[in-house]
Amino acid sequence: MPHDPYAWIEKSLTTIHRADWYRSVQTIDGRPGATVVLAGQEVINFASNDYLGLAGDERLIAAAIAAIEEFGTGSTGSRLLSGHRKLHRELEKAIASTKQTEDALVFSSGYLANLGAITALVGKRDLILSDQYNHSSLKNGAILCGAAVVEYPHCDVVALKTQLSQQRQNYRRCLILTDSVFSMDGDLCPMPALLDLADEFNCMLLVDEAHATGILGKTGAGCVEYFGCTGKPLIQIGTLSKALGSLGGYVAGSSVLIDFLRNRAPSWIYTTGLSPADTAAALAAIEIVQQEPQRRAQLWENVRYLKALLEHLPNLKLLPSESPILCFQLPNATDALKAGKYLRDAGIFAPAIRPPTVPTSRIRISVMATHQAAHIEKLVAVLKEMGSGEW
């Protein structure tokens, strides 16, 4: 009797359901913002990476519409062959100016930027040292490139130095990979110490600024600026889809690095260029970030206010955070789902994050500049109810 080669998929889904790891999408209506309509219910939105509230901004919308009217809806092909527009280059120059690097290269997503950069820079004769809490795109880029991959304990500089001392001499090139803001915890990487190790052991350092771009640093240039590391030799990756409210990713660095990636990064060479609308919206967002520092200031004021109120909830197990991402841990996936549902029923949209995305289950709260004090107070009131055991 013939076997069904696809039968394992249903069994695997059953296992996912049993572990409370199953995921499904939730439909949002209308524009993104501090409040959204989720499956017909208006809720306060603490589930978004739209930190500055730009994804629904009229100026980004107008820029996108104008680009569509002038250039059409798609880039039609790889930028090397058929897809390049002057608009793409304008965006790359704007990113390089913001990051104070010699040049930048725009990809169709942040995930593709990480895959392309890592697979172009290292290969089978090389070593990658990767923070254990790194984003999936960094981890998969490391696997795809074929290099030897060693994960070091989260933000543990001492352990990283030990691994470098033991292994660096055995490989041609070495690349250290880290998020700058860890998206499911909210803490920051020890960037100055990582740069020192990279220098000591002749390593390249790649930092993913996805959740730092637009919000950290004096001008919003990210963690590199925040830590005073601007101008240091490193590879900066980021997205245009979070604080900048659009879509796409970038690599910023030396002109030699960017020229090399144009010729060797497969996820840039063989992928259709970013759409005109997304490109124009990102350009508009960068201009707003530069011209309206008060938007960033309001975000951090909201973060401070929420943290101050949460100090009065001692039963809440908050993870350390230096970003607008605040997470509180729960014992297991079942409890996380239960907490997420309680919040949702109370008008709060804050997702349950479960393994294998994270090692421990949690609720992830993401603060926006456009949250009002009443939104934050409502969240804390609901969390207080949960802490008193009413759920």
Protein backbone atom coordinates (compact mmCIF):
# COMPACT_ATOMS: atom_id res chain seq x y z
CA MET A 1 0.00 0.00 0.00
CA PRO A 2 1.54 3.37 -1.03
CA HIS A 3 2.48 5.87 1.69
CA ASP A 4 1.34 9.49 1.62
CA PRO A 5 4.57 11.56 1.67
CA TYR A 6 2.61 14.54 3.06
CA ALA A 7 0.90 12.73 5.95
CA TRP A 8 3.51 13.95 8.43
CA ILE A 9 2.35 17.56 8.02
CA GLU A 10 -1.03 16.96 9.67
CA LYS A 11 0.63 15.03 12.50
CA SER A 12 3.06 17.87 13.02
CA LEU A 13 0.21 20.39 13.17
CA THR A 14 -1.50 18.23 15.79
CA THR A 15 1.65 18.36 17.90
CA ILE A 16 1.82 22.14 17.51
CA HIS A 17 -1.81 22.44 18.67
CA ARG A 18 -1.17 20.16 21.65
CA ALA A 19 1.77 22.28 22.83
CA ASP A 20 -0.27 25.51 22.50
CA TRP A 21 2.22 26.71 19.88
CA TYR A 22 -0.37 27.05 17.09
CA ARG A 23 -0.60 30.47 15.44
CA SER A 24 -3.20 32.11 13.22
CA VAL A 25 -3.58 35.59 11.78
CA GLN A 26 -5.93 38.23 13.18
CA THR A 27 -7.66 40.67 10.83
CA ILE A 28 -7.19 44.40 11.42
CA ASP A 29 -9.43 46.94 9.66
CA GLY A 30 -8.54 50.52 8.80
CA ARG A 31 -5.22 52.30 9.17
CA PRO A 32 -2.59 51.33 11.74
CA GLY A 33 -2.45 53.44 14.87
CA ALA A 34 -2.55 53.56 18.66
CA THR A 35 -6.01 52.03 18.45
CA VAL A 36 -7.13 49.57 15.79
CA VAL A 37 -10.23 47.58 14.93
CA LEU A 38 -9.40 43.91 15.45
CA ALA A 39 -12.01 41.42 14.26
CA GLY A 40 -14.69 44.09 14.67
CA GLN A 41 -13.57 45.25 18.15
CA GLU A 42 -11.74 48.51 18.80
CA VAL A 43 -8.68 47.79 20.91
CA ILE A 44 -5.66 49.74 22.18
CA ASN A 45 -2.76 48.59 20.06
CA PHE A 46 0.30 47.41 21.99
CA ALA A 47 1.18 44.84 19.32
CA SER A 48 2.76 47.11 16.71
CA ASN A 49 6.36 47.89 15.76
CA ASP A 50 5.13 51.25 14.41
CA TYR A 51 6.98 53.01 17.24
CA LEU A 52 6.63 56.55 15.90
CA GLY A 53 3.10 56.12 14.55
CA LEU A 54 4.18 56.84 10.98
CA ALA A 55 2.57 53.89 9.17
CA GLY A 56 -0.73 55.75 8.97
CA ASP A 57 0.74 59.25 8.58
CA GLU A 58 -0.83 61.33 5.81
CA ARG A 59 2.58 62.45 4.54
CA LEU A 60 3.79 58.90 3.98
CA ILE A 61 0.52 58.04 2.27
CA ALA A 62 0.79 61.08 -0.01
CA ALA A 63 4.40 60.25 -0.90
CA ALA A 64 3.45 56.66 -1.74
CA ILE A 65 0.52 57.75 -3.91
CA ALA A 66 2.65 60.29 -5.78
CA ALA A 67 5.30 57.62 -6.47
CA ILE A 68 2.69 55.19 -7.80
CA GLU A 69 1.27 57.84 -10.10
CA GLU A 70 4.72 58.64 -11.47
CA PHE A 71 6.43 55.23 -11.48
CA GLY A 72 3.63 52.64 -11.28
CA THR A 73 3.07 49.96 -8.67
CA GLY A 74 6.11 47.72 -9.08
CA SER A 75 9.83 47.84 -9.79
CA THR A 76 9.33 45.07 -12.41
CA GLY A 77 12.55 43.14 -11.76
CA SER A 78 15.99 42.98 -10.22
CA ARG A 79 17.51 46.44 -9.92
CA LEU A 80 20.63 45.27 -11.77
CA LEU A 81 18.55 44.27 -14.78
CA SER A 82 15.32 46.22 -14.92
CA GLY A 83 14.21 47.61 -11.58
CA HIS A 84 16.43 50.51 -10.59
CA ARG A 85 14.88 53.92 -10.06
CA LYS A 86 16.47 57.20 -9.04
CA LEU A 87 14.14 57.02 -6.05
CA HIS A 88 16.00 53.93 -4.77
CA ARG A 89 19.30 55.76 -4.83
CA GLU A 90 17.80 58.79 -3.06
CA LEU A 91 16.65 56.50 -0.25
CA GLU A 92 20.07 54.86 0.01
CA LYS A 93 21.75 58.26 0.28
CA ALA A 94 19.26 59.33 2.94
CA ILE A 95 19.95 56.18 4.98
CA ALA A 96 23.73 56.63 4.67
CA SER A 97 23.37 60.26 5.77
CA THR A 98 21.28 59.24 8.79
CA LYS A 99 23.67 56.46 9.79
CA GLN A 100 26.73 58.61 8.91
CA THR A 101 28.18 55.84 6.75
CA GLU A 102 29.75 56.12 3.30
CA ASP A 103 26.92 54.29 1.55
CA ALA A 104 23.85 52.07 1.93
CA LEU A 105 21.99 49.42 -0.05
CA VAL A 106 18.21 48.92 0.09
CA PHE A 107 16.71 45.41 0.04
CA SER A 108 13.08 44.36 -0.35
CA SER A 109 12.89 43.38 3.34
CA GLY A 110 15.05 43.38 6.44
CA TYR A 111 15.06 39.58 6.40
CA LEU A 112 16.49 39.62 2.87
CA ALA A 113 19.10 42.19 3.91
CA ASN A 114 20.41 39.86 6.62
CA LEU A 115 20.36 36.77 4.39
CA GLY A 116 22.11 38.60 1.57
CA ALA A 117 24.79 40.27 3.65
CA ILE A 118 25.73 37.20 5.69
CA THR A 119 25.85 34.78 2.75
CA ALA A 120 27.98 37.22 0.76
CA LEU A 121 30.49 37.94 3.54
CA VAL A 122 31.32 34.48 4.90
CA GLY A 123 31.35 30.88 3.70
CA LYS A 124 32.57 27.36 4.43
CA ARG A 125 36.07 28.35 5.55
CA ASP A 126 34.79 30.91 8.04
CA LEU A 127 33.38 31.21 11.56
CA ILE A 128 30.20 32.93 12.81
CA LEU A 129 29.64 33.77 16.46
CA SER A 130 25.97 34.57 17.04
CA ASP A 131 24.04 35.76 20.11
CA GLN A 132 21.65 32.97 21.13
CA TYR A 133 18.67 35.38 21.13
CA ASN A 134 19.29 36.71 17.63
CA HIS A 135 16.44 37.17 15.16
CA SER A 136 15.53 34.31 12.84
CA SER A 137 16.95 36.17 9.82
CA LEU A 138 20.40 36.30 11.43
CA LYS A 139 20.25 32.65 12.45
CA ASN A 140 19.09 31.47 9.03
CA GLY A 141 21.63 33.62 7.23
CA ALA A 142 24.32 31.93 9.32
CA ILE A 143 23.03 28.48 8.35
CA LEU A 144 22.70 29.32 4.65
CA CYS A 145 26.23 30.66 4.27
CA GLY A 146 27.79 27.33 5.26
CA ALA A 147 30.17 28.77 7.86
CA ALA A 148 30.83 27.10 11.19
CA VAL A 149 28.28 28.62 13.60
CA VAL A 150 28.75 28.95 17.36
CA GLU A 151 26.09 30.60 19.52
CA TYR A 152 27.29 32.50 22.56
CA PRO A 153 25.11 33.05 25.68
CA HIS A 154 22.91 36.12 25.41
CA CYS A 155 24.98 39.33 25.64
CA ASP A 156 27.77 37.42 27.44
CA VAL A 157 30.97 39.19 26.39
CA VAL A 158 33.18 37.01 28.60
CA ALA A 159 31.89 33.81 26.99
CA LEU A 160 32.26 35.34 23.53
CA LYS A 161 35.89 36.25 24.22
CA THR A 162 36.57 32.71 25.42
CA GLN A 163 35.09 31.25 22.24
CA LEU A 164 37.11 33.64 20.09
CA SER A 165 40.30 32.75 21.97
CA GLN A 166 39.67 29.07 21.38
CA GLN A 167 38.47 29.11 17.78
CA ARG A 168 39.30 32.28 15.87
CA GLN A 169 42.72 31.10 14.68
CA ASN A 170 41.19 28.06 12.98
CA TYR A 171 39.23 30.05 10.40
CA ARG A 172 39.86 32.43 7.52
CA ARG A 173 37.29 35.09 8.40
CA CYS A 174 35.06 35.59 11.42
CA LEU A 175 31.72 37.41 11.66
CA ILE A 176 30.04 38.34 14.95
CA LEU A 177 26.25 38.65 14.63
CA THR A 178 23.91 40.44 17.01
CA ASP A 179 20.65 42.32 17.19
CA SER A 180 21.13 45.79 18.65
CA VAL A 181 17.66 45.78 20.26
CA PHE A 182 16.43 42.26 20.94
CA SER A 183 12.88 42.26 19.65
CA MET A 184 11.35 39.73 22.05
CA ASP A 185 13.11 41.00 25.19
CA GLY A 186 13.72 44.72 24.70
CA ASP A 187 17.30 44.80 25.95
CA LEU A 188 20.34 46.14 24.07
CA CYS A 189 23.51 44.42 22.95
CA PRO A 190 26.83 45.45 24.59
CA MET A 191 27.99 47.16 21.39
CA PRO A 192 31.17 48.93 22.57
CA ALA A 193 32.49 45.68 24.07
CA LEU A 194 31.60 43.76 20.90
CA LEU A 195 33.51 46.30 18.80
CA ASP A 196 36.53 45.92 21.08
CA LEU A 197 36.46 42.13 20.65
CA ALA A 198 36.03 42.45 16.90
CA ASP A 199 39.12 44.63 16.80
CA GLU A 200 41.14 42.38 19.10
CA PHE A 201 40.38 39.18 17.18
CA ASN A 202 40.25 40.60 13.63
CA CYS A 203 36.51 39.97 13.19
CA MET A 204 33.74 41.64 11.26
CA LEU A 205 30.73 42.79 13.32
CA LEU A 206 27.20 42.87 11.93
CA VAL A 207 24.47 44.53 14.02
CA ASP A 208 20.76 44.38 13.18
CA GLU A 209 19.26 47.79 13.98
CA ALA A 210 15.69 46.81 13.03
CA HIS A 211 14.13 47.87 16.34
CA ALA A 212 16.54 50.77 16.94
CA THR A 213 16.32 52.66 13.64
CA GLY A 214 14.40 55.91 14.08
CA ILE A 215 14.07 55.74 17.86
CA LEU A 216 17.46 55.33 19.58
CA GLY A 217 20.30 57.83 19.52
CA LYS A 218 20.26 61.62 19.54
CA THR A 219 18.98 61.82 15.94
CA GLY A 220 17.26 58.42 15.80
CA ALA A 221 20.12 56.78 13.90
CA GLY A 222 19.97 53.71 16.16
CA CYS A 223 22.01 51.91 18.80
CA VAL A 224 25.28 52.67 17.02
CA GLU A 225 24.64 56.36 17.61
CA TYR A 226 23.22 55.72 21.10
CA PHE A 227 26.45 54.00 22.18
CA GLY A 228 28.70 56.61 20.56
CA CYS A 229 30.01 54.12 17.99
CA THR A 230 29.25 56.12 14.85
CA GLY A 231 32.09 55.84 12.34
CA LYS A 232 33.42 52.57 13.77
CA PRO A 233 34.09 49.72 11.29
CA LEU A 234 30.95 47.57 11.35
CA ILE A 235 28.05 46.43 9.18
CA GLN A 236 24.66 47.94 10.02
CA ILE A 237 21.44 46.23 8.97
CA GLY A 238 17.97 47.65 9.49
CA THR A 239 14.38 47.76 8.34
CA LEU A 240 12.12 50.41 6.91
CA SER A 241 9.03 48.61 8.20
CA LYS A 242 9.02 49.46 11.90
CA ALA A 243 9.62 53.02 13.16
CA LEU A 244 9.83 54.21 9.52
CA GLY A 245 6.35 52.89 8.74
CA SER A 246 7.07 51.46 5.28
CA LEU A 247 8.61 48.22 3.97
CA GLY A 248 12.10 47.06 3.08
CA GLY A 249 15.54 46.66 4.61
CA TYR A 250 18.99 48.14 4.26
CA VAL A 251 22.68 47.57 4.81
CA ALA A 252 24.79 50.62 5.72
CA GLY A 253 28.58 50.74 5.84
CA SER A 254 31.68 51.56 3.86
CA SER A 255 31.46 52.22 0.13
CA VAL A 256 33.63 49.15 -0.52
CA LEU A 257 31.25 46.94 1.50
CA ILE A 258 28.18 48.23 -0.33
CA ASP A 259 29.82 47.87 -3.75
CA PHE A 260 30.75 44.29 -2.86
CA LEU A 261 27.20 43.46 -1.75
CA ARG A 262 25.76 44.84 -5.01
CA ASN A 263 27.85 42.21 -6.75
CA ARG A 264 27.58 39.31 -4.30
CA ALA A 265 24.41 39.51 -2.16
CA PRO A 266 22.01 36.98 -3.73
CA SER A 267 18.88 38.32 -2.02
CA TRP A 268 19.53 41.71 -3.63
CA ILE A 269 20.78 40.56 -7.05
CA TYR A 270 18.00 38.05 -7.70
CA THR A 271 15.02 39.84 -6.14
CA THR A 272 12.70 42.51 -7.53
CA GLY A 273 13.57 45.95 -6.21
CA LEU A 274 11.55 47.68 -3.51
CA SER A 275 8.31 49.12 -4.89
CA PRO A 276 8.18 52.86 -5.70
CA ALA A 277 5.47 53.41 -3.09
CA ASP A 278 7.44 51.79 -0.27
CA THR A 279 10.60 53.60 -1.32
CA ALA A 280 8.91 57.01 -1.33
CA ALA A 281 7.14 56.36 1.98
CA ALA A 282 10.45 55.43 3.64
CA LEU A 283 12.08 58.59 2.28
CA ALA A 284 9.25 60.68 3.71
CA ALA A 285 9.60 58.91 7.07
CA ILE A 286 13.34 59.60 7.29
CA GLU A 287 12.66 63.29 6.68
CA ILE A 288 10.02 63.35 9.42
CA VAL A 289 12.36 61.62 11.89
CA GLN A 290 14.98 64.28 11.21
CA GLN A 291 12.59 67.24 11.36
CA GLU A 292 10.35 66.15 14.25
CA PRO A 293 12.50 65.01 17.20
CA GLN A 294 9.52 65.69 19.45
CA ARG A 295 7.88 62.53 18.07
CA ARG A 296 10.79 60.45 19.35
CA ALA A 297 10.76 62.39 22.64
CA GLN A 298 7.07 61.57 23.10
CA LEU A 299 7.78 57.87 22.54
CA TRP A 300 10.36 57.84 25.34
CA GLU A 301 8.08 59.85 27.62
CA ASN A 302 5.40 57.17 27.08
CA VAL A 303 7.93 54.43 27.86
CA ARG A 304 8.97 56.19 31.08
CA TYR A 305 5.34 56.69 32.12
CA LEU A 306 4.44 53.04 31.54
CA LYS A 307 7.52 51.81 33.43
CA ALA A 308 6.70 54.10 36.36
CA LEU A 309 3.16 52.73 36.60
CA LEU A 310 4.34 49.13 36.26
CA GLU A 311 6.59 49.56 39.30
CA HIS A 312 3.41 49.40 41.38
CA LEU A 313 2.64 45.89 40.07
CA PRO A 314 5.22 43.75 41.92
CA ASN A 315 3.73 40.45 40.75
CA LEU A 316 4.56 41.27 37.13
CA LYS A 317 7.78 39.52 36.02
CA LEU A 318 9.15 42.13 33.63
CA LEU A 319 12.23 41.35 31.56
CA PRO A 320 15.03 43.97 31.59
CA SER A 321 14.44 46.50 28.79
CA GLU A 322 16.03 49.70 27.51
CA SER A 323 13.66 50.09 24.55
CA PRO A 324 9.92 50.59 23.84
CA ILE A 325 9.54 46.78 24.03
CA LEU A 326 8.39 45.57 27.45
CA CYS A 327 7.75 41.88 28.12
CA PHE A 328 6.43 40.07 31.14
CA GLN A 329 7.05 36.37 31.55
CA LEU A 330 4.47 33.67 32.13
CA PRO A 331 4.99 30.07 33.26
CA ASN A 332 3.99 28.40 29.99
CA ALA A 333 2.34 28.79 26.58
CA THR A 334 -1.12 28.00 27.95
CA ASP A 335 -0.93 30.81 30.48
CA ALA A 336 0.40 33.20 27.84
CA LEU A 337 -2.55 32.46 25.56
CA LYS A 338 -4.93 32.89 28.48
CA ALA A 339 -3.37 36.23 29.37
CA GLY A 340 -3.50 37.41 25.76
CA LYS A 341 -7.21 36.55 25.59
CA TYR A 342 -7.93 38.34 28.87
CA LEU A 343 -6.22 41.46 27.59
CA ARG A 344 -8.04 41.25 24.28
CA ASP A 345 -11.44 40.88 25.98
CA ALA A 346 -10.59 43.98 28.02
CA GLY A 347 -9.77 45.99 24.88
CA ILE A 348 -5.97 45.58 24.87
CA PHE A 349 -4.12 44.07 21.90
CA ALA A 350 -0.83 42.64 23.23
CA PRO A 351 0.22 39.31 21.76
CA ALA A 352 1.27 36.13 23.53
CA ILE A 353 4.77 35.15 22.40
CA ARG A 354 5.57 31.46 22.78
CA PRO A 355 8.25 28.92 21.94
CA PRO A 356 9.91 28.29 19.57
CA THR A 357 10.03 32.06 18.92
CA VAL A 358 11.30 32.62 22.46
CA PRO A 359 12.70 30.28 25.13
CA THR A 360 10.01 31.28 27.68
CA SER A 361 6.40 32.34 27.12
CA ARG A 362 5.51 35.99 27.59
CA ILE A 363 3.24 38.90 26.70
CA ARG A 364 5.00 41.48 24.54
CA ILE A 365 4.01 45.14 24.95
CA SER A 366 5.18 47.62 22.33
CA VAL A 367 4.88 51.33 23.12
CA MET A 368 4.14 53.95 20.45
CA ALA A 369 4.65 57.71 20.36
CA THR A 370 0.95 58.09 19.53
CA HIS A 371 -0.30 56.29 22.65
CA GLN A 372 -2.15 58.65 24.94
CA ALA A 373 -1.79 58.62 28.73
CA ALA A 374 -5.27 57.09 28.97
CA HIS A 375 -4.19 54.17 26.76
CA ILE A 376 -1.24 53.41 29.03
CA GLU A 377 -3.34 53.78 32.18
CA LYS A 378 -5.95 51.37 30.78
CA LEU A 379 -3.24 48.78 30.05
CA VAL A 380 -1.87 49.03 33.59
CA ALA A 381 -5.36 48.79 35.11
CA VAL A 382 -6.05 45.58 33.19
CA LEU A 383 -2.64 44.14 34.14
CA LYS A 384 -3.41 44.98 37.77
CA GLU A 385 -6.65 43.00 37.54
CA MET A 386 -4.70 40.07 36.11
CA GLY A 387 -2.16 40.33 38.94
CA SER A 388 -4.91 40.16 41.54
CA GLY A 389 -5.98 36.80 40.15
CA GLU A 390 -9.28 37.97 38.66
CA TRP A 391 -8.53 36.28 35.34
